[in-house]
Amino acid sequence: MRSNPVVQSGRRALFLLVLLAGLAGVLTACGGDGAFTDEFDRLGSWGSGNNADVEGTVANGVYELHVKADTGLFWATAGKESLGEGIYELDATQVDGPLDNGFGLMLRADNETDNFVLFEVSGDGFVWIGWCEDGCEAVADPLVNDGWFESKAVREGLNATNRLRVDYGSSEMVFSVNGQEVGRAGSAISGSSTAGDIGLLVETLGLGGVRVAFDNFRYSPQAEE
């Protein structure tokens, strides 16, 4: 049985990738309820940075997040702070590192509290769907099953691309991997807002060197019922 480090106590090496200088005014203007598409031909408003634990940047048409730290949850947000109900989609491809990991997307993120909905898969075929408070330091509650669960919908191994999708409606969120539903959860979450930022994330679970390429982010404000 795979353990669930997201909800276990222990060292959490959290690092929010810093936004490039001068973007603050742009980020405010980018908010709103309109559709959003990013094929990562340029950095745009996404956070980027590089330190001893993690590096995140846009290169060769993808956003690449490289986590060097052995344990931690690391992410970059887009500065789209009022995205709500709708359809969220993202391609995620692990290109290097151990397969015992987690990577995926976050939505309904509050950049002041680091609260967000977390949807991640692993290189060895598992899924975790939950709600994080304080970047998963204080509270990390699974919304589907009891934590990590195995799913045949996940394409395993290096260079295997997984398409993640969340259909977020007024009463329910439906989570899918590669066109197959992997879980449902109620949209009402105590302590959460109904809208927020989006992000890309990678989690290491004991061994660093995990490198993931993200591409083809799509958000449509019209959720499918």
C-alpha atoms as a PDB file:
ATOM      1  CA  MET A   1       0.000   0.000   0.000  1.00  0.00           C
ATOM      2  CA  ARG A   2       1.444   3.380  -0.965  1.00  0.00           C
ATOM      3  CA  SER A   3       1.854   5.736   1.978  1.00  0.00           C
ATOM      4  CA  ASN A   4       0.372   9.206   1.931  1.00  0.00           C
ATOM      5  CA  PRO A   5       3.133  11.693   2.788  1.00  0.00           C
ATOM      6  CA  VAL A   6       0.860  14.619   1.975  1.00  0.00           C
ATOM      7  CA  VAL A   7      -1.093  14.077   5.196  1.00  0.00           C
ATOM      8  CA  GLN A   8       1.674  12.707   7.404  1.00  0.00           C
ATOM      9  CA  SER A   9       3.618  14.953   9.731  1.00  0.00           C
ATOM     10  CA  GLY A  10       7.247  15.634   8.966  1.00  0.00           C
ATOM     11  CA  ARG A  11       9.516  18.086   7.213  1.00  0.00           C
ATOM     12  CA  ARG A  12       7.760  19.947   4.443  1.00  0.00           C
ATOM     13  CA  ALA A  13      10.179  21.923   2.282  1.00  0.00           C
ATOM     14  CA  LEU A  14       7.671  24.324   0.764  1.00  0.00           C
ATOM     15  CA  PHE A  15       8.733  26.962  -1.729  1.00  0.00           C
ATOM     16  CA  LEU A  16       6.449  29.252  -3.709  1.00  0.00           C
ATOM     17  CA  LEU A  17       8.247  30.185  -6.903  1.00  0.00           C
ATOM     18  CA  VAL A  18       8.733  33.936  -6.949  1.00  0.00           C
ATOM     19  CA  LEU A  19       7.103  36.010  -9.649  1.00  0.00           C
ATOM     20  CA  LEU A  20       9.323  37.986 -11.968  1.00  0.00           C
ATOM     21  CA  ALA A  21       9.854  41.585 -10.916  1.00  0.00           C
ATOM     22  CA  GLY A  22       7.435  44.094 -12.399  1.00  0.00           C
ATOM     23  CA  LEU A  23       4.506  41.730 -12.899  1.00  0.00           C
ATOM     24  CA  ALA A  24       2.298  42.874 -10.022  1.00  0.00           C
ATOM     25  CA  GLY A  25       0.235  45.304 -12.065  1.00  0.00           C
ATOM     26  CA  VAL A  26      -0.107  42.845 -14.929  1.00  0.00           C
ATOM     27  CA  LEU A  27      -1.394  40.122 -12.615  1.00  0.00           C
ATOM     28  CA  THR A  28      -4.202  42.329 -11.351  1.00  0.00           C
ATOM     29  CA  ALA A  29      -5.267  43.060 -14.897  1.00  0.00           C
ATOM     30  CA  CYS A  30      -5.189  39.365 -15.817  1.00  0.00           C
ATOM     31  CA  GLY A  31      -7.858  38.399 -13.293  1.00  0.00           C
ATOM     32  CA  GLY A  32     -11.426  37.730 -14.355  1.00  0.00           C
ATOM     33  CA  ASP A  33     -13.765  35.015 -15.467  1.00  0.00           C
ATOM     34  CA  GLY A  34     -12.713  34.669 -19.099  1.00  0.00           C
ATOM     35  CA  ALA A  35     -11.235  31.640 -20.812  1.00  0.00           C
ATOM     36  CA  PHE A  36      -7.503  31.067 -20.381  1.00  0.00           C
ATOM     37  CA  THR A  37      -5.132  29.069 -22.592  1.00  0.00           C
ATOM     38  CA  ASP A  38      -1.384  28.670 -22.260  1.00  0.00           C
ATOM     39  CA  GLU A  39       0.890  26.585 -24.471  1.00  0.00           C
ATOM     40  CA  PHE A  40       3.989  27.939 -22.671  1.00  0.00           C
ATOM     41  CA  ASP A  41       5.596  29.624 -25.644  1.00  0.00           C
ATOM     42  CA  ARG A  42       6.704  32.276 -23.143  1.00  0.00           C
ATOM     43  CA  LEU A  43       6.744  32.679 -19.370  1.00  0.00           C
ATOM     44  CA  GLY A  44       3.924  35.211 -19.222  1.00  0.00           C
ATOM     45  CA  SER A  45       2.621  35.712 -15.684  1.00  0.00           C
ATOM     46  CA  TRP A  46       3.721  32.328 -14.331  1.00  0.00           C
ATOM     47  CA  GLY A  47       6.030  32.288 -11.347  1.00  0.00           C
ATOM     48  CA  SER A  48       9.596  31.199 -11.979  1.00  0.00           C
ATOM     49  CA  GLY A  49      12.762  30.799  -9.959  1.00  0.00           C
ATOM     50  CA  ASN A  50      15.773  28.701  -9.074  1.00  0.00           C
ATOM     51  CA  ASN A  51      17.307  27.787  -5.727  1.00  0.00           C
ATOM     52  CA  ALA A  52      18.867  24.785  -4.024  1.00  0.00           C
ATOM     53  CA  ASP A  53      15.512  22.991  -3.765  1.00  0.00           C
ATOM     54  CA  VAL A  54      13.664  23.693  -7.005  1.00  0.00           C
ATOM     55  CA  GLU A  55      13.862  25.298 -10.425  1.00  0.00           C
ATOM     56  CA  GLY A  56      10.913  26.371 -12.545  1.00  0.00           C
ATOM     57  CA  THR A  57      11.032  27.968 -15.977  1.00  0.00           C
ATOM     58  CA  VAL A  58       9.526  27.977 -19.469  1.00  0.00           C
ATOM     59  CA  ALA A  59      11.742  26.437 -22.150  1.00  0.00           C
ATOM     60  CA  ASN A  60      11.153  24.663 -25.465  1.00  0.00           C
ATOM     61  CA  GLY A  61       7.403  25.196 -25.334  1.00  0.00           C
ATOM     62  CA  VAL A  62       6.759  23.707 -21.880  1.00  0.00           C
ATOM     63  CA  TYR A  63       6.853  24.829 -18.273  1.00  0.00           C
ATOM     64  CA  GLU A  64       9.470  22.619 -16.620  1.00  0.00           C
ATOM     65  CA  LEU A  65       9.473  22.173 -12.860  1.00  0.00           C
ATOM     66  CA  HIS A  66      12.564  20.425 -11.473  1.00  0.00           C
ATOM     67  CA  VAL A  67      12.464  19.517  -7.777  1.00  0.00           C
ATOM     68  CA  LYS A  68      15.901  18.816  -6.336  1.00  0.00           C
ATOM     69  CA  ALA A  69      14.838  18.468  -2.683  1.00  0.00           C
ATOM     70  CA  ASP A  70      14.151  14.960  -1.427  1.00  0.00           C
ATOM     71  CA  THR A  71      10.876  15.892   0.280  1.00  0.00           C
ATOM     72  CA  GLY A  72       8.486  18.717  -0.438  1.00  0.00           C
ATOM     73  CA  LEU A  73       5.586  20.147  -2.394  1.00  0.00           C
ATOM     74  CA  PHE A  74       6.592  22.858  -4.856  1.00  0.00           C
ATOM     75  CA  TRP A  75       4.452  24.903  -7.209  1.00  0.00           C
ATOM     76  CA  ALA A  76       4.197  27.857  -9.594  1.00  0.00           C
ATOM     77  CA  THR A  77       1.031  29.907  -9.999  1.00  0.00           C
ATOM     78  CA  ALA A  78      -0.230  31.904 -12.962  1.00  0.00           C
ATOM     79  CA  GLY A  79      -1.597  35.021 -11.281  1.00  0.00           C
ATOM     80  CA  LYS A  80      -5.149  34.290 -12.505  1.00  0.00           C
ATOM     81  CA  GLU A  81      -6.734  34.945  -9.151  1.00  0.00           C
ATOM     82  CA  SER A  82     -10.467  34.757  -9.921  1.00  0.00           C
ATOM     83  CA  LEU A  83     -10.967  31.590 -11.968  1.00  0.00           C
ATOM     84  CA  GLY A  84     -13.994  29.682 -10.731  1.00  0.00           C
ATOM     85  CA  GLU A  85     -16.444  27.139 -12.064  1.00  0.00           C
ATOM     86  CA  GLY A  86     -15.405  25.670 -15.388  1.00  0.00           C
ATOM     87  CA  ILE A  87     -13.224  23.081 -17.062  1.00  0.00           C
ATOM     88  CA  TYR A  88      -9.513  22.863 -16.245  1.00  0.00           C
ATOM     89  CA  GLU A  89      -7.150  20.762 -18.387  1.00  0.00           C
ATOM     90  CA  LEU A  90      -3.399  20.207 -18.390  1.00  0.00           C
ATOM     91  CA  ASP A  91      -0.791  17.889 -19.942  1.00  0.00           C
ATOM     92  CA  ALA A  92       1.889  16.664 -17.522  1.00  0.00           C
ATOM     93  CA  THR A  93       4.911  14.540 -18.510  1.00  0.00           C
ATOM     94  CA  GLN A  94       7.578  13.302 -16.115  1.00  0.00           C
ATOM     95  CA  VAL A  95      10.887  13.457 -17.955  1.00  0.00           C
ATOM     96  CA  ASP A  96      13.371  12.526 -15.219  1.00  0.00           C
ATOM     97  CA  GLY A  97      13.711  11.210 -11.689  1.00  0.00           C
ATOM     98  CA  PRO A  98      12.172   8.533  -9.462  1.00  0.00           C
ATOM     99  CA  LEU A  99       8.605   7.467 -10.216  1.00  0.00           C
ATOM    100  CA  ASP A 100       7.519   7.580  -6.560  1.00  0.00           C
ATOM    101  CA  ASN A 101       6.315  11.183  -6.681  1.00  0.00           C
ATOM    102  CA  GLY A 102       3.327  13.400  -7.347  1.00  0.00           C
ATOM    103  CA  PHE A 103       2.651  16.024 -10.012  1.00  0.00           C
ATOM    104  CA  GLY A 104      -0.346  17.828 -11.404  1.00  0.00           C
ATOM    105  CA  LEU A 105      -2.412  20.951 -10.958  1.00  0.00           C
ATOM    106  CA  MET A 106      -3.922  23.148  -8.303  1.00  0.00           C
ATOM    107  CA  LEU A 107      -7.042  25.290  -8.549  1.00  0.00           C
ATOM    108  CA  ARG A 108      -9.075  27.624  -6.337  1.00  0.00           C
ATOM    109  CA  ALA A 109      -5.724  28.717  -4.897  1.00  0.00           C
ATOM    110  CA  ASP A 110      -5.485  31.571  -2.406  1.00  0.00           C
ATOM    111  CA  ASN A 111      -1.974  32.978  -2.734  1.00  0.00           C
ATOM    112  CA  GLU A 112      -2.129  34.651   0.664  1.00  0.00           C
ATOM    113  CA  THR A 113      -3.074  31.544   2.671  1.00  0.00           C
ATOM    114  CA  ASP A 114      -1.654  28.856   0.321  1.00  0.00           C
ATOM    115  CA  ASN A 115      -5.015  27.038   0.406  1.00  0.00           C
ATOM    116  CA  PHE A 116      -5.981  25.144  -2.742  1.00  0.00           C
ATOM    117  CA  VAL A 117      -7.551  22.077  -4.335  1.00  0.00           C
ATOM    118  CA  LEU A 118      -4.818  19.600  -5.300  1.00  0.00           C
ATOM    119  CA  PHE A 119      -5.065  17.027  -8.118  1.00  0.00           C
ATOM    120  CA  GLU A 120      -1.932  14.975  -8.717  1.00  0.00           C
ATOM    121  CA  VAL A 121      -0.849  11.737 -10.320  1.00  0.00           C
ATOM    122  CA  SER A 122       2.400   9.826  -9.870  1.00  0.00           C
ATOM    123  CA  GLY A 123       4.930   8.275 -12.201  1.00  0.00           C
ATOM    124  CA  ASP A 124       4.043   4.852 -10.820  1.00  0.00           C
ATOM    125  CA  GLY A 125       0.296   5.012 -11.410  1.00  0.00           C
ATOM    126  CA  PHE A 126      -1.351   6.631  -8.375  1.00  0.00           C
ATOM    127  CA  VAL A 127      -3.742   9.561  -7.862  1.00  0.00           C
ATOM    128  CA  TRP A 128      -4.253  11.999  -4.982  1.00  0.00           C
ATOM    129  CA  ILE A 129      -7.168  14.455  -4.870  1.00  0.00           C
ATOM    130  CA  GLY A 130      -7.601  16.718  -1.900  1.00  0.00           C
ATOM    131  CA  TRP A 131      -7.812  20.070  -0.173  1.00  0.00           C
ATOM    132  CA  CYS A 132      -4.698  21.758   1.251  1.00  0.00           C
ATOM    133  CA  GLU A 133      -4.450  24.515   3.836  1.00  0.00           C
ATOM    134  CA  ASP A 134      -1.197  26.409   4.415  1.00  0.00           C
ATOM    135  CA  GLY A 135       0.428  24.588   1.505  1.00  0.00           C
ATOM    136  CA  CYS A 136      -0.479  21.196   3.036  1.00  0.00           C
ATOM    137  CA  GLU A 137       1.484  22.009   6.191  1.00  0.00           C
ATOM    138  CA  ALA A 138      -1.549  22.439   8.451  1.00  0.00           C
ATOM    139  CA  VAL A 139      -4.374  20.519   6.772  1.00  0.00           C
ATOM    140  CA  ALA A 140      -4.367  18.135   3.806  1.00  0.00           C
ATOM    141  CA  ASP A 141      -7.720  16.415   3.483  1.00  0.00           C
ATOM    142  CA  PRO A 142      -8.344  13.821   0.770  1.00  0.00           C
ATOM    143  CA  LEU A 143     -11.538  14.573  -1.142  1.00  0.00           C
ATOM    144  CA  VAL A 144     -11.552  11.176  -2.907  1.00  0.00           C
ATOM    145  CA  ASN A 145     -10.817   7.884  -1.101  1.00  0.00           C
ATOM    146  CA  ASP A 146      -8.468   8.066   1.898  1.00  0.00           C
ATOM    147  CA  GLY A 147      -5.399   9.421   0.141  1.00  0.00           C
ATOM    148  CA  TRP A 148      -3.276   7.977  -2.659  1.00  0.00           C
ATOM    149  CA  PHE A 149      -5.087   5.352  -4.721  1.00  0.00           C
ATOM    150  CA  GLU A 150      -3.958   3.330  -7.707  1.00  0.00           C
ATOM    151  CA  SER A 151      -5.601   3.971 -11.088  1.00  0.00           C
ATOM    152  CA  LYS A 152      -5.169   2.273 -14.444  1.00  0.00           C
ATOM    153  CA  ALA A 153      -6.069   5.599 -16.064  1.00  0.00           C
ATOM    154  CA  VAL A 154      -2.578   6.918 -15.260  1.00  0.00           C
ATOM    155  CA  ARG A 155       0.137   6.357 -17.862  1.00  0.00           C
ATOM    156  CA  GLU A 156       3.223   5.270 -15.934  1.00  0.00           C
ATOM    157  CA  GLY A 157       6.910   5.881 -16.484  1.00  0.00           C
ATOM    158  CA  LEU A 158       9.155   8.560 -17.898  1.00  0.00           C
ATOM    159  CA  ASN A 159       8.026  10.502 -20.972  1.00  0.00           C
ATOM    160  CA  ALA A 160       4.430   9.311 -20.551  1.00  0.00           C
ATOM    161  CA  THR A 161       2.015  12.235 -20.919  1.00  0.00           C
ATOM    162  CA  ASN A 162      -1.054  12.359 -18.689  1.00  0.00           C
ATOM    163  CA  ARG A 163      -3.962  14.676 -19.480  1.00  0.00           C
ATOM    164  CA  LEU A 164      -5.568  15.913 -16.265  1.00  0.00           C
ATOM    165  CA  ARG A 165      -9.032  17.428 -16.275  1.00  0.00           C
ATOM    166  CA  VAL A 166     -11.306  18.902 -13.632  1.00  0.00           C
ATOM    167  CA  ASP A 167     -14.952  19.701 -14.386  1.00  0.00           C
ATOM    168  CA  TYR A 168     -15.813  22.137 -11.620  1.00  0.00           C
ATOM    169  CA  GLY A 169     -19.539  22.797 -11.322  1.00  0.00           C
ATOM    170  CA  SER A 170     -21.670  24.532  -8.727  1.00  0.00           C
ATOM    171  CA  SER A 171     -22.255  21.366  -6.714  1.00  0.00           C
ATOM    172  CA  GLU A 172     -19.584  18.882  -7.808  1.00  0.00           C
ATOM    173  CA  MET A 173     -16.041  18.539  -9.112  1.00  0.00           C
ATOM    174  CA  VAL A 174     -15.277  15.638 -11.460  1.00  0.00           C
ATOM    175  CA  PHE A 175     -11.631  14.588 -11.857  1.00  0.00           C
ATOM    176  CA  SER A 176     -10.378  12.724 -14.930  1.00  0.00           C
ATOM    177  CA  VAL A 177      -7.053  11.357 -16.198  1.00  0.00           C
ATOM    178  CA  ASN A 178      -6.636  10.668 -19.922  1.00  0.00           C
ATOM    179  CA  GLY A 179     -10.389  10.852 -20.459  1.00  0.00           C
ATOM    180  CA  GLN A 180     -11.250   8.418 -17.635  1.00  0.00           C
ATOM    181  CA  GLU A 181     -13.012   9.606 -14.507  1.00  0.00           C
ATOM    182  CA  VAL A 182     -10.999   8.898 -11.357  1.00  0.00           C
ATOM    183  CA  GLY A 183     -13.117  10.621  -8.728  1.00  0.00           C
ATOM    184  CA  ARG A 184     -15.863  13.050  -7.733  1.00  0.00           C
ATOM    185  CA  ALA A 185     -16.124  15.442  -4.821  1.00  0.00           C
ATOM    186  CA  GLY A 186     -18.538  18.097  -3.647  1.00  0.00           C
ATOM    187  CA  SER A 187     -17.628  21.641  -4.650  1.00  0.00           C
ATOM    188  CA  ALA A 188     -18.397  23.057  -1.196  1.00  0.00           C
ATOM    189  CA  ILE A 189     -15.235  22.911   0.949  1.00  0.00           C
ATOM    190  CA  SER A 190     -15.039  24.488   4.386  1.00  0.00           C
ATOM    191  CA  GLY A 191     -12.554  27.347   4.450  1.00  0.00           C
ATOM    192  CA  SER A 192     -12.218  27.576   0.672  1.00  0.00           C
ATOM    193  CA  SER A 193     -13.268  30.253  -1.770  1.00  0.00           C
ATOM    194  CA  THR A 194     -15.208  29.335  -4.894  1.00  0.00           C
ATOM    195  CA  ALA A 195     -12.588  30.923  -7.165  1.00  0.00           C
ATOM    196  CA  GLY A 196      -8.859  31.490  -7.124  1.00  0.00           C
ATOM    197  CA  ASP A 197      -5.556  31.029  -8.900  1.00  0.00           C
ATOM    198  CA  ILE A 198      -4.274  28.008 -10.811  1.00  0.00           C
ATOM    199  CA  GLY A 199      -0.916  26.313 -10.512  1.00  0.00           C
ATOM    200  CA  LEU A 200       1.462  23.560 -11.585  1.00  0.00           C
ATOM    201  CA  LEU A 201       3.059  21.414  -8.900  1.00  0.00           C
ATOM    202  CA  VAL A 202       5.517  18.615  -8.198  1.00  0.00           C
ATOM    203  CA  GLU A 203       5.896  16.655  -4.961  1.00  0.00           C
ATOM    204  CA  THR A 204       8.886  14.545  -3.956  1.00  0.00           C
ATOM    205  CA  LEU A 205       8.398  11.711  -1.489  1.00  0.00           C
ATOM    206  CA  GLY A 206      11.861  10.871  -0.231  1.00  0.00           C
ATOM    207  CA  LEU A 207      14.105  11.220  -3.265  1.00  0.00           C
ATOM    208  CA  GLY A 208      14.674  14.365  -5.320  1.00  0.00           C
ATOM    209  CA  GLY A 209      15.519  14.873  -8.967  1.00  0.00           C
ATOM    210  CA  VAL A 210      11.922  14.784 -10.230  1.00  0.00           C
ATOM    211  CA  ARG A 211      11.529  16.819 -13.410  1.00  0.00           C
ATOM    212  CA  VAL A 212       8.093  17.349 -14.985  1.00  0.00           C
ATOM    213  CA  ALA A 213       7.132  19.202 -18.180  1.00  0.00           C
ATOM    214  CA  PHE A 214       3.702  20.869 -18.280  1.00  0.00           C
ATOM    215  CA  ASP A 215       1.892  21.975 -21.419  1.00  0.00           C
ATOM    216  CA  ASN A 216      -1.457  22.883 -22.978  1.00  0.00           C
ATOM    217  CA  PHE A 217      -3.227  24.424 -20.001  1.00  0.00           C
ATOM    218  CA  ARG A 218      -6.862  25.161 -20.813  1.00  0.00           C
ATOM    219  CA  TYR A 219      -9.577  26.800 -18.749  1.00  0.00           C
ATOM    220  CA  SER A 220     -13.132  27.293 -19.959  1.00  0.00           C
ATOM    221  CA  PRO A 221     -15.607  29.106 -17.675  1.00  0.00           C
ATOM    222  CA  GLN A 222     -18.456  26.850 -18.772  1.00  0.00           C
ATOM    223  CA  ALA A 223     -18.566  23.612 -16.782  1.00  0.00           C
ATOM    224  CA  GLU A 224     -20.173  20.563 -18.306  1.00  0.00           C
ATOM    225  CA  GLU A 225     -22.994  19.025 -16.269  1.00  0.00           C
END
